[in-house]
Amino acid sequence: MNTDSVSTDNMSTDNPFEVIGGHGPEFDALRPPGWFVVVDGNRIACGRLVQLPPICIKTGATDNLSPFSSIVQVPAYRLVLRQYQVNCHYYLHESVASQLTLTRRIGALMTISGLLMLILSPFLLTGPPAGIIAALGIPIALLGKVVASFANPGLRIDSTGPADTFVLRGFESPFFQTLAEIVARNSP
């Protein structure tokens, strides 16, 4: 993994990815699988697959970590003609992971409850109460989907570059501080 810090001083205004390296298949063959480079101190440039070191991406902790893997995409509000995806392997501290898991479970429970209200109320109740309960099931199910969407660590593709190079955002500053400390310790 290449964890060298990259500053914007070396970047041209035409191509902000120029500092990452060359282009073409011969350059791609030189990159190890799971490579990444820190860009601007708060984002990571990588390929279609990135394996981050065992550091929590939210707290910067290096102990009590849980590994996660997810497909990182361009945010839904950005209109793109081609949907880009990066398979990202990262770590979360157990406290952060348990909070996200709890949020995901609450959202799933709300969604299932809303759908059950919608589907079963006509069979279990008669008259106006059945319609009211069924009508309440729709917003509860939708609210559950919204709650579950917050159980995401927030990693997104910020921009793309040459030869399947992507810049990811959503990492907290403690992650980069811990990463810089580790790189400084391992430097000769």
Protein backbone atom coordinates (compact mmCIF):
# COMPACT_ATOMS: atom_id res chain seq x y z
CA MET A 1 0.00 0.00 0.00
CA ASN A 2 1.27 3.39 -0.89
CA THR A 3 0.42 5.81 1.87
CA ASP A 4 2.55 8.76 0.83
CA SER A 5 0.93 12.09 1.49
CA VAL A 6 0.27 14.13 -1.62
CA SER A 7 -0.10 17.87 -1.64
CA THR A 8 -1.88 19.96 -4.19
CA ASP A 9 1.30 21.97 -4.87
CA ASN A 10 2.44 19.38 -7.41
CA MET A 11 -0.93 19.11 -9.14
CA SER A 12 -1.68 20.92 -12.35
CA THR A 13 -4.95 22.79 -12.70
CA ASP A 14 -5.81 20.75 -15.79
CA ASN A 15 -5.54 17.34 -14.17
CA PRO A 16 -5.67 17.06 -10.38
CA PHE A 17 -4.81 13.36 -10.65
CA GLU A 18 -1.49 13.94 -12.42
CA VAL A 19 0.53 13.45 -9.26
CA ILE A 20 -0.88 9.96 -8.70
CA GLY A 21 1.19 8.52 -11.51
CA GLY A 22 1.36 7.55 -15.12
CA HIS A 23 -1.23 6.22 -17.47
CA GLY A 24 -1.78 3.03 -19.38
CA PRO A 25 -1.60 -0.72 -18.79
CA GLU A 26 2.14 -0.69 -17.98
CA PHE A 27 1.48 1.71 -15.07
CA ASP A 28 -1.53 -0.29 -13.88
CA ALA A 29 0.65 -3.41 -13.69
CA LEU A 30 3.01 -1.60 -11.28
CA ARG A 31 0.28 -0.81 -8.75
CA PRO A 32 -0.18 -3.39 -6.01
CA PRO A 33 -3.76 -4.59 -5.45
CA GLY A 34 -5.56 -2.44 -2.93
CA TRP A 35 -3.27 0.59 -3.41
CA PHE A 36 -4.18 4.06 -2.18
CA VAL A 37 -2.63 7.50 -1.86
CA VAL A 38 -3.66 10.29 0.51
CA VAL A 39 -4.74 13.37 -1.45
CA ASP A 40 -5.03 16.84 0.13
CA GLY A 41 -4.82 15.28 3.58
CA ASN A 42 -8.55 14.47 3.69
CA ARG A 43 -9.28 12.20 0.72
CA ILE A 44 -7.88 8.97 -0.70
CA ALA A 45 -7.07 8.18 -4.33
CA CYS A 46 -7.38 4.50 -5.20
CA GLY A 47 -8.31 1.96 -7.85
CA ARG A 48 -11.47 -0.12 -8.15
CA LEU A 49 -10.37 -2.10 -5.09
CA VAL A 50 -8.87 -0.52 -1.97
CA GLN A 51 -7.68 -2.22 1.22
CA LEU A 52 -7.25 0.36 3.98
CA PRO A 53 -4.96 -0.32 6.96
CA PRO A 54 -6.42 -1.39 10.31
CA ILE A 55 -7.37 2.11 11.44
CA CYS A 56 -10.95 3.19 12.19
CA ILE A 57 -12.04 5.55 9.40
CA LYS A 58 -14.11 7.58 11.87
CA THR A 59 -12.16 7.65 15.17
CA GLY A 60 -8.59 6.83 14.12
CA ALA A 61 -8.45 4.02 16.71
CA THR A 62 -6.17 1.05 16.05
CA ASP A 63 -7.62 -1.40 18.60
CA ASN A 64 -11.02 -3.09 18.99
CA LEU A 65 -11.67 -2.86 15.24
CA SER A 66 -14.22 -4.65 13.11
CA PRO A 67 -13.50 -5.16 9.39
CA PHE A 68 -16.10 -4.02 6.86
CA SER A 69 -16.40 -4.12 3.12
CA SER A 70 -18.73 -2.05 0.99
CA ILE A 71 -19.27 -0.79 -2.51
CA VAL A 72 -18.57 2.95 -2.56
CA GLN A 73 -20.42 4.92 -5.23
CA VAL A 74 -20.95 8.42 -6.52
CA PRO A 75 -23.54 10.20 -4.31
CA ALA A 76 -27.10 9.78 -5.57
CA TYR A 77 -27.70 13.54 -5.85
CA ARG A 78 -24.91 13.90 -8.44
CA LEU A 79 -26.12 13.18 -11.92
CA VAL A 80 -23.59 10.98 -13.70
CA LEU A 81 -23.90 9.15 -16.97
CA ARG A 82 -21.82 6.23 -15.76
CA GLN A 83 -22.10 4.79 -12.28
CA TYR A 84 -18.63 4.23 -10.81
CA GLN A 85 -17.98 1.78 -8.00
CA VAL A 86 -15.06 1.05 -5.70
CA ASN A 87 -14.86 -2.05 -3.54
CA CYS A 88 -13.55 -0.64 -0.25
CA HIS A 89 -12.29 -2.74 2.68
CA TYR A 90 -12.04 -0.64 5.83
CA TYR A 91 -12.21 -0.83 9.62
CA LEU A 92 -14.52 0.68 12.23
CA HIS A 93 -14.06 0.84 15.99
CA GLU A 94 -16.48 -1.48 17.75
CA SER A 95 -18.42 1.44 19.27
CA VAL A 96 -18.98 3.02 15.84
CA ALA A 97 -19.79 -0.35 14.29
CA SER A 98 -22.34 -1.18 17.00
CA GLN A 99 -23.99 2.22 16.59
CA LEU A 100 -24.31 1.71 12.81
CA THR A 101 -25.61 -1.82 13.34
CA LEU A 102 -28.22 -0.59 15.82
CA THR A 103 -29.34 2.13 13.38
CA ARG A 104 -29.57 -0.43 10.56
CA ARG A 105 -31.62 -2.79 12.73
CA ILE A 106 -34.01 -0.05 13.85
CA GLY A 107 -34.55 0.96 10.22
CA ALA A 108 -35.13 -2.64 9.17
CA LEU A 109 -37.57 -3.18 12.04
CA MET A 110 -39.51 -0.04 11.10
CA THR A 111 -39.62 -1.06 7.43
CA ILE A 112 -40.83 -4.58 8.23
CA SER A 113 -43.39 -3.23 10.73
CA GLY A 114 -44.74 -0.74 8.20
CA LEU A 115 -45.02 -3.39 5.50
CA LEU A 116 -46.76 -5.79 7.88
CA MET A 117 -49.21 -3.05 8.87
CA LEU A 118 -49.92 -2.40 5.20
CA ILE A 119 -50.33 -6.05 4.24
CA LEU A 120 -52.01 -7.59 7.29
CA SER A 121 -54.37 -4.83 8.46
CA PRO A 122 -57.12 -5.68 5.91
CA PHE A 123 -57.05 -9.31 7.09
CA LEU A 124 -56.99 -8.62 10.83
CA LEU A 125 -59.21 -5.54 11.11
CA THR A 126 -62.43 -4.42 9.45
CA GLY A 127 -63.82 -1.02 8.59
CA PRO A 128 -62.05 2.32 8.95
CA PRO A 129 -59.39 1.11 11.44
CA ALA A 130 -58.05 -1.26 8.78
CA GLY A 131 -57.61 1.58 6.30
CA ILE A 132 -56.02 3.87 8.89
CA ILE A 133 -53.52 1.22 10.01
CA ALA A 134 -52.72 0.33 6.38
CA ALA A 135 -52.26 4.02 5.53
CA LEU A 136 -49.90 4.44 8.50
CA GLY A 137 -47.85 1.45 7.31
CA ILE A 138 -46.61 3.25 4.19
CA PRO A 139 -44.93 6.23 5.92
CA ILE A 140 -43.54 4.00 8.67
CA ALA A 141 -41.97 1.69 6.07
CA LEU A 142 -40.52 4.67 4.17
CA LEU A 143 -39.21 6.22 7.38
CA GLY A 144 -37.55 2.90 8.19
CA LYS A 145 -35.72 3.01 4.86
CA VAL A 146 -34.55 6.56 5.62
CA VAL A 147 -33.33 5.54 9.10
CA ALA A 148 -31.49 2.53 7.66
CA SER A 149 -29.76 4.76 5.11
CA PHE A 150 -28.02 6.54 8.01
CA ALA A 151 -26.30 3.26 8.91
CA ASN A 152 -23.69 3.98 6.26
CA PRO A 153 -20.20 5.19 7.20
CA GLY A 154 -20.48 7.96 4.60
CA LEU A 155 -17.77 6.98 2.10
CA ARG A 156 -18.42 8.37 -1.38
CA ILE A 157 -16.57 8.80 -4.67
CA ASP A 158 -15.62 12.46 -4.85
CA SER A 159 -14.11 12.46 -8.34
CA THR A 160 -12.57 10.18 -10.95
CA GLY A 161 -9.28 10.27 -12.77
CA PRO A 162 -7.33 8.42 -15.41
CA ALA A 163 -7.05 4.65 -15.67
CA ASP A 164 -9.71 3.67 -13.13
CA THR A 165 -8.46 6.08 -10.47
CA PHE A 166 -11.02 7.34 -7.98
CA VAL A 167 -10.88 9.84 -5.12
CA LEU A 168 -12.89 8.84 -2.05
CA ARG A 169 -14.15 11.19 0.64
CA GLY A 170 -15.92 10.64 3.95
CA PHE A 171 -12.91 9.84 6.14
CA GLU A 172 -12.55 11.71 9.41
CA SER A 173 -9.37 13.63 10.30
CA PRO A 174 -8.34 11.22 13.13
CA PHE A 175 -7.95 8.50 10.47
CA PHE A 176 -5.42 10.61 8.56
CA GLN A 177 -3.62 11.65 11.76
CA THR A 178 -3.18 8.02 12.84
CA LEU A 179 -2.15 7.04 9.30
CA ALA A 180 0.50 9.81 9.25
CA GLU A 181 1.82 8.65 12.65
CA ILE A 182 2.13 5.08 11.42
CA VAL A 183 3.86 6.17 8.22
CA ALA A 184 6.25 8.38 10.23
CA ARG A 185 7.09 5.48 12.59
CA ASN A 186 7.78 3.13 9.67
CA SER A 187 9.84 5.65 7.66
CA PRO A 188 13.63 5.22 7.79
